[in-house]
């Protein structure tokens, strides 16, 4: 914030409360750019995925893991052709239902994302597109960090 803006904010409008729905309010000084306001809000209230629980996948949830994988790939891997996804789908259906995965679940305990973790290496991380952008992936990675202080992973060059 520019020095002149800071003086104006302190003199004319010392503080106001920014409402965050029903959840909280944050004391702020005026005027703030939208980017600065967003940064202050994220610092004050780090993004957390609401009502999410992380647990091991259950034997009967393999099909759900495949569905999450497919919808996530279709939503994020625009460098793949539809035929490529179909070819990968056959391979994924062969191993994913039996893979030892950690799942993030919604409030009714339905998987909404999963992470494959081998020692300190994240093998896979896929989130249902309906739940992207609210911290589900972050919650899974932070959970993995409770086991290992340093994690490794590999990323498709096209996803960087």
Protein backbone atom coordinates (compact mmCIF):
# COMPACT_ATOMS: atom_id res chain seq x y z
CA UNK A 1 0.00 0.00 0.00
CA UNK A 2 1.31 3.46 -0.82
CA UNK A 3 2.25 5.67 2.14
CA UNK A 4 -0.37 8.27 1.16
CA UNK A 5 -3.05 5.58 1.00
CA UNK A 6 -2.01 4.28 4.43
CA UNK A 7 -2.26 7.77 5.98
CA UNK A 8 -5.67 8.31 4.35
CA UNK A 9 -6.91 4.95 5.58
CA UNK A 10 -5.77 5.62 9.14
CA UNK A 11 -7.19 9.15 9.21
CA UNK A 12 -10.49 8.74 7.40
CA UNK A 13 -11.41 5.10 7.89
CA UNK A 14 -9.43 3.61 10.77
CA UNK A 15 -10.85 0.09 10.53
CA UNK A 16 -13.71 -1.83 9.07
CA UNK A 17 -14.67 -5.47 9.20
CA UNK A 18 -14.52 -7.62 6.08
CA UNK A 19 -17.18 -10.30 6.30
CA UNK A 20 -16.42 -13.84 5.20
CA UNK A 21 -19.97 -15.16 5.03
CA UNK A 22 -21.05 -16.73 8.27
CA UNK A 23 -17.57 -17.89 9.15
CA UNK A 24 -15.51 -14.93 10.33
CA UNK A 25 -14.64 -11.29 10.03
CA UNK A 26 -11.23 -9.74 9.58
CA UNK A 27 -10.23 -6.23 10.70
CA UNK A 28 -8.77 -4.38 7.69
CA UNK A 29 -7.63 -0.89 6.83
CA UNK A 30 -8.88 0.98 3.76
CA UNK A 31 -8.23 1.30 0.84
CA UNK A 32 -6.91 -2.03 -0.34
CA UNK A 33 -6.51 -3.31 -3.85
CA UNK A 34 -8.39 -6.52 -4.59
CA UNK A 35 -5.13 -8.46 -4.80
CA UNK A 36 -3.85 -7.05 -1.52
CA UNK A 37 -7.19 -7.77 0.16
CA UNK A 38 -7.18 -11.36 -1.11
CA UNK A 39 -3.61 -11.85 0.13
CA UNK A 40 -4.51 -10.49 3.60
CA UNK A 41 -7.58 -12.72 3.81
CA UNK A 42 -5.64 -15.83 2.80
CA UNK A 43 -2.93 -15.04 5.33
CA UNK A 44 -5.48 -14.50 8.09
CA UNK A 45 -7.56 -17.52 7.15
CA UNK A 46 -5.49 -20.13 5.29
CA UNK A 47 -7.49 -22.23 2.86
CA UNK A 48 -8.69 -25.39 4.49
CA UNK A 49 -10.98 -27.92 2.99
CA UNK A 50 -14.20 -27.96 5.02
CA UNK A 51 -15.58 -31.22 6.41
CA UNK A 52 -12.81 -33.37 4.97
CA UNK A 53 -11.44 -36.49 6.59
CA UNK A 54 -8.39 -38.43 5.37
CA UNK A 55 -8.18 -42.19 5.72
CA UNK A 56 -7.03 -45.34 3.92
CA UNK A 57 -9.17 -46.41 0.99
CA UNK A 58 -11.61 -49.25 1.59
CA UNK A 59 -11.78 -52.38 -0.58
CA UNK A 60 -15.20 -51.43 -1.97
CA UNK A 61 -14.07 -47.93 -3.10
CA UNK A 62 -11.84 -48.93 -6.01
CA UNK A 63 -14.44 -47.96 -8.61
CA UNK A 64 -14.81 -44.55 -6.99
CA UNK A 65 -11.03 -44.04 -7.18
CA UNK A 66 -11.11 -44.88 -10.89
CA UNK A 67 -14.00 -42.44 -11.42
CA UNK A 68 -12.08 -39.68 -9.59
CA UNK A 69 -8.98 -40.44 -11.67
CA UNK A 70 -10.88 -40.31 -14.96
CA UNK A 71 -12.83 -37.12 -14.24
CA UNK A 72 -9.71 -35.42 -12.90
CA UNK A 73 -7.65 -36.38 -15.95
CA UNK A 74 -10.42 -35.23 -18.30
CA UNK A 75 -10.60 -31.88 -16.47
CA UNK A 76 -6.86 -31.19 -16.15
CA UNK A 77 -4.87 -33.15 -18.73
CA UNK A 78 -5.88 -31.27 -21.86
CA UNK A 79 -2.65 -32.40 -23.52
CA UNK A 80 -4.07 -35.96 -23.75
CA UNK A 81 -6.34 -37.00 -26.57
CA UNK A 82 -9.60 -38.82 -25.74
CA UNK A 83 -8.14 -42.04 -27.17
CA UNK A 84 -5.12 -41.69 -24.86
CA UNK A 85 -7.38 -41.49 -21.82
CA UNK A 86 -9.26 -44.61 -22.95
CA UNK A 87 -5.98 -46.53 -23.29
CA UNK A 88 -4.81 -45.38 -19.86
CA UNK A 89 -8.21 -46.21 -18.40
CA UNK A 90 -7.66 -49.91 -19.11
CA UNK A 91 -4.34 -49.86 -17.27
CA UNK A 92 -5.67 -47.79 -14.38
CA UNK A 93 -8.69 -50.05 -13.90
CA UNK A 94 -6.26 -52.95 -13.59
CA UNK A 95 -4.26 -51.59 -10.66
CA UNK A 96 -5.95 -48.60 -9.02
CA UNK A 97 -8.77 -50.48 -7.23
CA UNK A 98 -6.18 -52.56 -5.34
CA UNK A 99 -3.66 -49.75 -4.75
CA UNK A 100 -2.94 -48.63 -1.19
CA UNK A 101 -4.32 -45.09 -1.35
CA UNK A 102 -5.12 -42.35 1.10
CA UNK A 103 -8.50 -40.77 0.37
CA UNK A 104 -9.99 -37.43 1.33
CA UNK A 105 -13.70 -37.80 2.02
CA UNK A 106 -16.63 -35.42 2.18
CA UNK A 107 -19.06 -35.03 5.07
CA UNK A 108 -20.80 -38.34 4.23
CA UNK A 109 -17.47 -40.23 4.01
CA UNK A 110 -17.48 -40.46 0.19
CA UNK A 111 -14.02 -40.20 -1.43
CA UNK A 112 -13.48 -36.88 -3.22
CA UNK A 113 -9.75 -37.23 -3.89
CA UNK A 114 -6.89 -39.63 -3.37
CA UNK A 115 -3.15 -39.79 -2.99
CA UNK A 116 -0.80 -42.69 -3.62
CA UNK A 117 2.12 -42.57 -1.20
CA UNK A 118 5.15 -44.89 -1.29
CA UNK A 119 7.47 -44.09 1.56
CA UNK A 120 8.20 -40.37 1.12
CA UNK A 121 7.18 -40.29 -2.55
CA UNK A 122 3.78 -39.08 -3.76
CA UNK A 123 2.97 -41.45 -6.61
CA UNK A 124 -0.39 -39.92 -7.48
CA UNK A 125 -2.70 -37.11 -6.44
CA UNK A 126 -6.13 -36.77 -8.03
CA UNK A 127 -9.08 -34.67 -6.91
CA UNK A 128 -12.68 -34.85 -8.10
CA UNK A 129 -13.13 -31.73 -10.30
CA UNK A 130 -16.17 -30.67 -8.26
CA UNK A 131 -13.84 -30.36 -5.24
CA UNK A 132 -10.82 -28.72 -6.91
CA UNK A 133 -9.51 -25.41 -5.69
CA UNK A 134 -10.66 -25.59 -2.06
CA UNK A 135 -7.70 -27.33 -0.48
CA UNK A 136 -8.40 -31.07 -0.83
CA UNK A 137 -5.04 -31.72 -2.52
CA UNK A 138 -3.29 -29.49 -0.03
CA UNK A 139 -4.92 -31.41 2.85
CA UNK A 140 -3.68 -34.72 1.42
CA UNK A 141 -0.12 -33.42 0.99
CA UNK A 142 -0.13 -31.89 4.48
CA UNK A 143 -1.31 -35.25 5.82
CA UNK A 144 1.61 -36.98 4.07
CA UNK A 145 3.93 -34.44 5.68
CA UNK A 146 2.86 -35.74 9.09
CA UNK A 147 4.66 -38.98 8.18
CA UNK A 148 7.65 -37.56 6.28
CA UNK A 149 9.27 -34.16 6.64
CA UNK A 150 10.38 -34.18 2.99
CA UNK A 151 8.32 -35.53 0.11
CA UNK A 152 9.19 -36.19 -3.52
CA UNK A 153 6.98 -36.53 -6.57
CA UNK A 154 7.13 -36.51 -10.34
CA UNK A 155 5.00 -34.23 -12.48
CA UNK A 156 4.04 -34.42 -16.14
CA UNK A 157 5.97 -31.71 -17.96
CA UNK A 158 2.68 -30.45 -19.41
CA UNK A 159 1.24 -29.93 -15.89
CA UNK A 160 3.99 -27.54 -14.81
